[in-house]
Amino acid sequence: MPSILLGGAWKELKGPPALFGAPLQLTDTKLRTLTEPGKHSDGLGLYLEITKAGGRY
């Protein structure tokens, strides 16, 4: 399990970072309504790329 240093002590993480206060930036609603071309990141390494033609990858 991954660990994190909090308050001078190592704590073991028992779930994904979103469960520890990191906001999910790419929600289901946001993914469905995004139309702006470019790369849209969730902040944890996942991203959605929208092309100028509207393709989603």
C-alpha atoms as a PDB file:
ATOM      1  CA  MET A   1       0.000   0.000   0.000  1.00  0.00           C
ATOM      2  CA  PRO A   2       1.212   3.538  -0.688  1.00  0.00           C
ATOM      3  CA  SER A   3       2.043   5.775   2.246  1.00  0.00           C
ATOM      4  CA  ILE A   4       1.998   9.536   2.783  1.00  0.00           C
ATOM      5  CA  LEU A   5       3.790  11.759   5.295  1.00  0.00           C
ATOM      6  CA  LEU A   6       1.190  13.643   7.367  1.00  0.00           C
ATOM      7  CA  GLY A   7       2.094  15.720  10.426  1.00  0.00           C
ATOM      8  CA  GLY A   8       5.537  14.135  10.700  1.00  0.00           C
ATOM      9  CA  ALA A   9       4.188  10.561  10.683  1.00  0.00           C
ATOM     10  CA  TRP A  10       3.789   8.126   7.813  1.00  0.00           C
ATOM     11  CA  LYS A  11       0.185   7.100   7.201  1.00  0.00           C
ATOM     12  CA  GLU A  12      -0.851   4.173   5.005  1.00  0.00           C
ATOM     13  CA  LEU A  13      -3.367   5.064   2.280  1.00  0.00           C
ATOM     14  CA  LYS A  14      -6.254   2.628   1.948  1.00  0.00           C
ATOM     15  CA  GLY A  15      -7.967   3.895  -1.204  1.00  0.00           C
ATOM     16  CA  PRO A  16      -7.626   6.145  -4.226  1.00  0.00           C
ATOM     17  CA  PRO A  17      -6.435   9.748  -3.652  1.00  0.00           C
ATOM     18  CA  ALA A  18      -9.936  11.114  -4.364  1.00  0.00           C
ATOM     19  CA  LEU A  19     -11.089   9.529  -1.103  1.00  0.00           C
ATOM     20  CA  PHE A  20      -8.517  11.552   0.821  1.00  0.00           C
ATOM     21  CA  GLY A  21      -9.731  15.025  -0.154  1.00  0.00           C
ATOM     22  CA  ALA A  22      -8.368  15.353  -3.691  1.00  0.00           C
ATOM     23  CA  PRO A  23     -11.300  16.571  -5.813  1.00  0.00           C
ATOM     24  CA  LEU A  24     -12.351  14.621  -8.875  1.00  0.00           C
ATOM     25  CA  GLN A  25     -11.993  17.155 -11.679  1.00  0.00           C
ATOM     26  CA  LEU A  26     -13.454  14.986 -14.434  1.00  0.00           C
ATOM     27  CA  THR A  27     -16.912  13.986 -13.256  1.00  0.00           C
ATOM     28  CA  ASP A  28     -19.427  12.105 -15.401  1.00  0.00           C
ATOM     29  CA  THR A  29     -21.422  15.291 -16.015  1.00  0.00           C
ATOM     30  CA  LYS A  30     -18.326  17.287 -16.914  1.00  0.00           C
ATOM     31  CA  LEU A  31     -17.126  14.600 -19.350  1.00  0.00           C
ATOM     32  CA  ARG A  32     -20.486  14.588 -21.122  1.00  0.00           C
ATOM     33  CA  THR A  33     -20.755  18.388 -21.411  1.00  0.00           C
ATOM     34  CA  LEU A  34     -17.171  19.403 -22.274  1.00  0.00           C
ATOM     35  CA  THR A  35     -16.900  20.864 -25.774  1.00  0.00           C
ATOM     36  CA  GLU A  36     -13.745  23.005 -25.552  1.00  0.00           C
ATOM     37  CA  PRO A  37     -10.895  21.507 -27.648  1.00  0.00           C
ATOM     38  CA  GLY A  38      -7.765  20.496 -25.726  1.00  0.00           C
ATOM     39  CA  LYS A  39      -6.614  18.137 -23.004  1.00  0.00           C
ATOM     40  CA  HIS A  40      -8.691  18.084 -19.821  1.00  0.00           C
ATOM     41  CA  SER A  41      -6.976  16.425 -16.835  1.00  0.00           C
ATOM     42  CA  ASP A  42      -8.366  14.917 -13.641  1.00  0.00           C
ATOM     43  CA  GLY A  43      -5.169  15.864 -11.795  1.00  0.00           C
ATOM     44  CA  LEU A  44      -4.230  12.233 -11.193  1.00  0.00           C
ATOM     45  CA  GLY A  45      -2.876  11.292 -14.627  1.00  0.00           C
ATOM     46  CA  LEU A  46      -6.123  10.630 -16.496  1.00  0.00           C
ATOM     47  CA  TYR A  47      -7.116  13.046 -19.235  1.00  0.00           C
ATOM     48  CA  LEU A  48      -9.679  13.511 -21.989  1.00  0.00           C
ATOM     49  CA  GLU A  49      -8.562  15.043 -25.276  1.00  0.00           C
ATOM     50  CA  ILE A  50     -11.178  16.850 -27.372  1.00  0.00           C
ATOM     51  CA  THR A  51     -10.242  17.727 -30.945  1.00  0.00           C
ATOM     52  CA  LYS A  52     -11.389  20.804 -32.878  1.00  0.00           C
ATOM     53  CA  ALA A  53     -13.714  18.516 -34.851  1.00  0.00           C
ATOM     54  CA  GLY A  54     -15.284  17.308 -31.581  1.00  0.00           C
ATOM     55  CA  GLY A  55     -13.591  13.897 -31.380  1.00  0.00           C
ATOM     56  CA  ARG A  56     -12.970  12.536 -27.891  1.00  0.00           C
ATOM     57  CA  TYR A  57      -9.929  10.413 -27.065  1.00  0.00           C
END
